[in-house]
C-alpha atoms as a PDB file:
ATOM      1  CA  MET A   1      -1.682  -6.548  28.579  1.00  0.00           C
ATOM      2  CA  GLU A   2       1.676  -6.643  26.815  1.00  0.00           C
ATOM      3  CA  LYS A   3       3.941  -3.610  27.037  1.00  0.00           C
ATOM      4  CA  THR A   4       6.902  -2.468  24.959  1.00  0.00           C
ATOM      5  CA  LEU A   5       9.280   0.449  25.262  1.00  0.00           C
ATOM      6  CA  GLU A   6       9.986   2.245  21.989  1.00  0.00           C
ATOM      7  CA  LEU A   7      13.229   4.220  21.835  1.00  0.00           C
ATOM      8  CA  GLN A   8      13.187   6.790  19.030  1.00  0.00           C
ATOM      9  CA  PHE A   9      16.450   8.048  17.542  1.00  0.00           C
ATOM     10  CA  LEU A  10      17.521  10.204  14.605  1.00  0.00           C
ATOM     11  CA  ASN A  11      20.159   8.960  12.181  1.00  0.00           C
ATOM     12  CA  GLN A  12      22.726  10.908  10.147  1.00  0.00           C
ATOM     13  CA  GLN A  13      20.113  11.602   7.444  1.00  0.00           C
ATOM     14  CA  GLY A  14      17.688  13.029  10.013  1.00  0.00           C
ATOM     15  CA  LYS A  15      15.307  10.086   9.707  1.00  0.00           C
ATOM     16  CA  ALA A  16      13.611   8.358  12.632  1.00  0.00           C
ATOM     17  CA  VAL A  17      14.896   4.968  13.809  1.00  0.00           C
ATOM     18  CA  ARG A  18      13.076   2.890  16.425  1.00  0.00           C
ATOM     19  CA  ILE A  19      14.397   0.279  18.813  1.00  0.00           C
ATOM     20  CA  ILE A  20      11.719  -1.784  20.552  1.00  0.00           C
ATOM     21  CA  ILE A  21      12.254  -3.386  23.985  1.00  0.00           C
ATOM     22  CA  ASP A  22       9.734  -6.059  24.978  1.00  0.00           C
ATOM     23  CA  HIS A  23       8.586  -6.342  28.597  1.00  0.00           C
ATOM     24  CA  PRO A  24      10.432  -3.313  30.020  1.00  0.00           C
ATOM     25  CA  VAL A  25      11.082  -3.053  33.754  1.00  0.00           C
ATOM     26  CA  GLU A  26       8.374  -0.964  35.371  1.00  0.00           C
ATOM     27  CA  PRO A  27       7.931   1.676  36.414  1.00  0.00           C
ATOM     28  CA  VAL A  28       9.856   3.131  33.478  1.00  0.00           C
ATOM     29  CA  ASN A  29      12.303   5.769  34.691  1.00  0.00           C
ATOM     30  CA  ALA A  30      12.714   8.632  32.180  1.00  0.00           C
ATOM     31  CA  GLN A  31      16.216   9.527  33.408  1.00  0.00           C
ATOM     32  CA  GLN A  32      17.420   5.949  33.023  1.00  0.00           C
ATOM     33  CA  VAL A  33      15.878   5.667  29.557  1.00  0.00           C
ATOM     34  CA  SER A  34      17.586   8.895  28.508  1.00  0.00           C
ATOM     35  CA  ALA A  35      20.937   7.701  29.902  1.00  0.00           C
ATOM     36  CA  VAL A  36      20.653   4.372  28.056  1.00  0.00           C
ATOM     37  CA  MET A  37      19.834   6.191  24.830  1.00  0.00           C
ATOM     38  CA  ASP A  38      22.893   8.434  25.313  1.00  0.00           C
ATOM     39  CA  THR A  39      25.024   5.308  25.843  1.00  0.00           C
ATOM     40  CA  ILE A  40      23.676   3.685  22.675  1.00  0.00           C
ATOM     41  CA  ILE A  41      24.508   6.811  20.657  1.00  0.00           C
ATOM     42  CA  ALA A  42      27.965   7.305  22.216  1.00  0.00           C
ATOM     43  CA  ALA A  43      28.967   3.649  21.808  1.00  0.00           C
ATOM     44  CA  ASN A  44      27.699   3.600  18.202  1.00  0.00           C
ATOM     45  CA  ILE A  45      26.118   0.205  18.912  1.00  0.00           C
ATOM     46  CA  PHE A  46      23.512   0.314  16.132  1.00  0.00           C
ATOM     47  CA  THR A  47      23.465   1.689  12.618  1.00  0.00           C
ATOM     48  CA  SER A  48      20.658   2.144  10.116  1.00  0.00           C
ATOM     49  CA  SER A  49      20.284   2.458   6.368  1.00  0.00           C
ATOM     50  CA  GLY A  50      20.547   6.225   6.896  1.00  0.00           C
ATOM     51  CA  GLY A  51      23.788   5.992   8.866  1.00  0.00           C
ATOM     52  CA  ASP A  52      24.703   6.022  12.526  1.00  0.00           C
ATOM     53  CA  LEU A  53      22.322   7.102  15.279  1.00  0.00           C
ATOM     54  CA  VAL A  54      23.161  10.698  16.185  1.00  0.00           C
ATOM     55  CA  GLY A  55      20.345  11.997  18.396  1.00  0.00           C
ATOM     56  CA  LYS A  56      17.364  11.204  20.591  1.00  0.00           C
ATOM     57  CA  GLN A  57      13.861  11.909  19.300  1.00  0.00           C
ATOM     58  CA  GLY A  58      11.806  10.426  22.141  1.00  0.00           C
ATOM     59  CA  ALA A  59      10.602   7.324  23.932  1.00  0.00           C
ATOM     60  CA  ARG A  60       7.166   5.774  24.366  1.00  0.00           C
ATOM     61  CA  LEU A  61       5.695   3.059  26.563  1.00  0.00           C
ATOM     62  CA  LEU A  62       3.215   1.141  24.427  1.00  0.00           C
ATOM     63  CA  GLN A  63       0.475  -1.159  25.710  1.00  0.00           C
ATOM     64  CA  HIS A  64      -0.915  -3.873  23.458  1.00  0.00           C
ATOM     65  CA  ASP A  65      -4.183  -5.564  24.249  1.00  0.00           C
ATOM     66  CA  VAL A  66      -4.241  -8.812  22.283  1.00  0.00           C
ATOM     67  CA  THR A  67      -7.378 -10.922  22.015  1.00  0.00           C
ATOM     68  CA  ASP A  68      -7.435 -14.181  20.079  1.00  0.00           C
ATOM     69  CA  VAL A  69     -10.453 -14.746  17.883  1.00  0.00           C
ATOM     70  CA  ALA A  70     -11.749 -18.317  17.920  1.00  0.00           C
ATOM     71  CA  LEU A  71     -12.486 -19.432  14.389  1.00  0.00           C
ATOM     72  CA  PRO A  72     -15.382 -21.806  13.724  1.00  0.00           C
END
């Protein structure tokens, strides 16, 4: 099962912006995730169409179960 970590931020317009991290280190530590998100905001590393990232909205660990379908 594939896993991704979704970091959710708010930009200057108050809109949600997501950053997806494939294959995160587990177990995911909430304090470390929060600290990394603070660093991303403080360093102004990313921007969006709605401006700079200005706040944290949340984070989610997503699991994807992928099954290939064999075609005849």
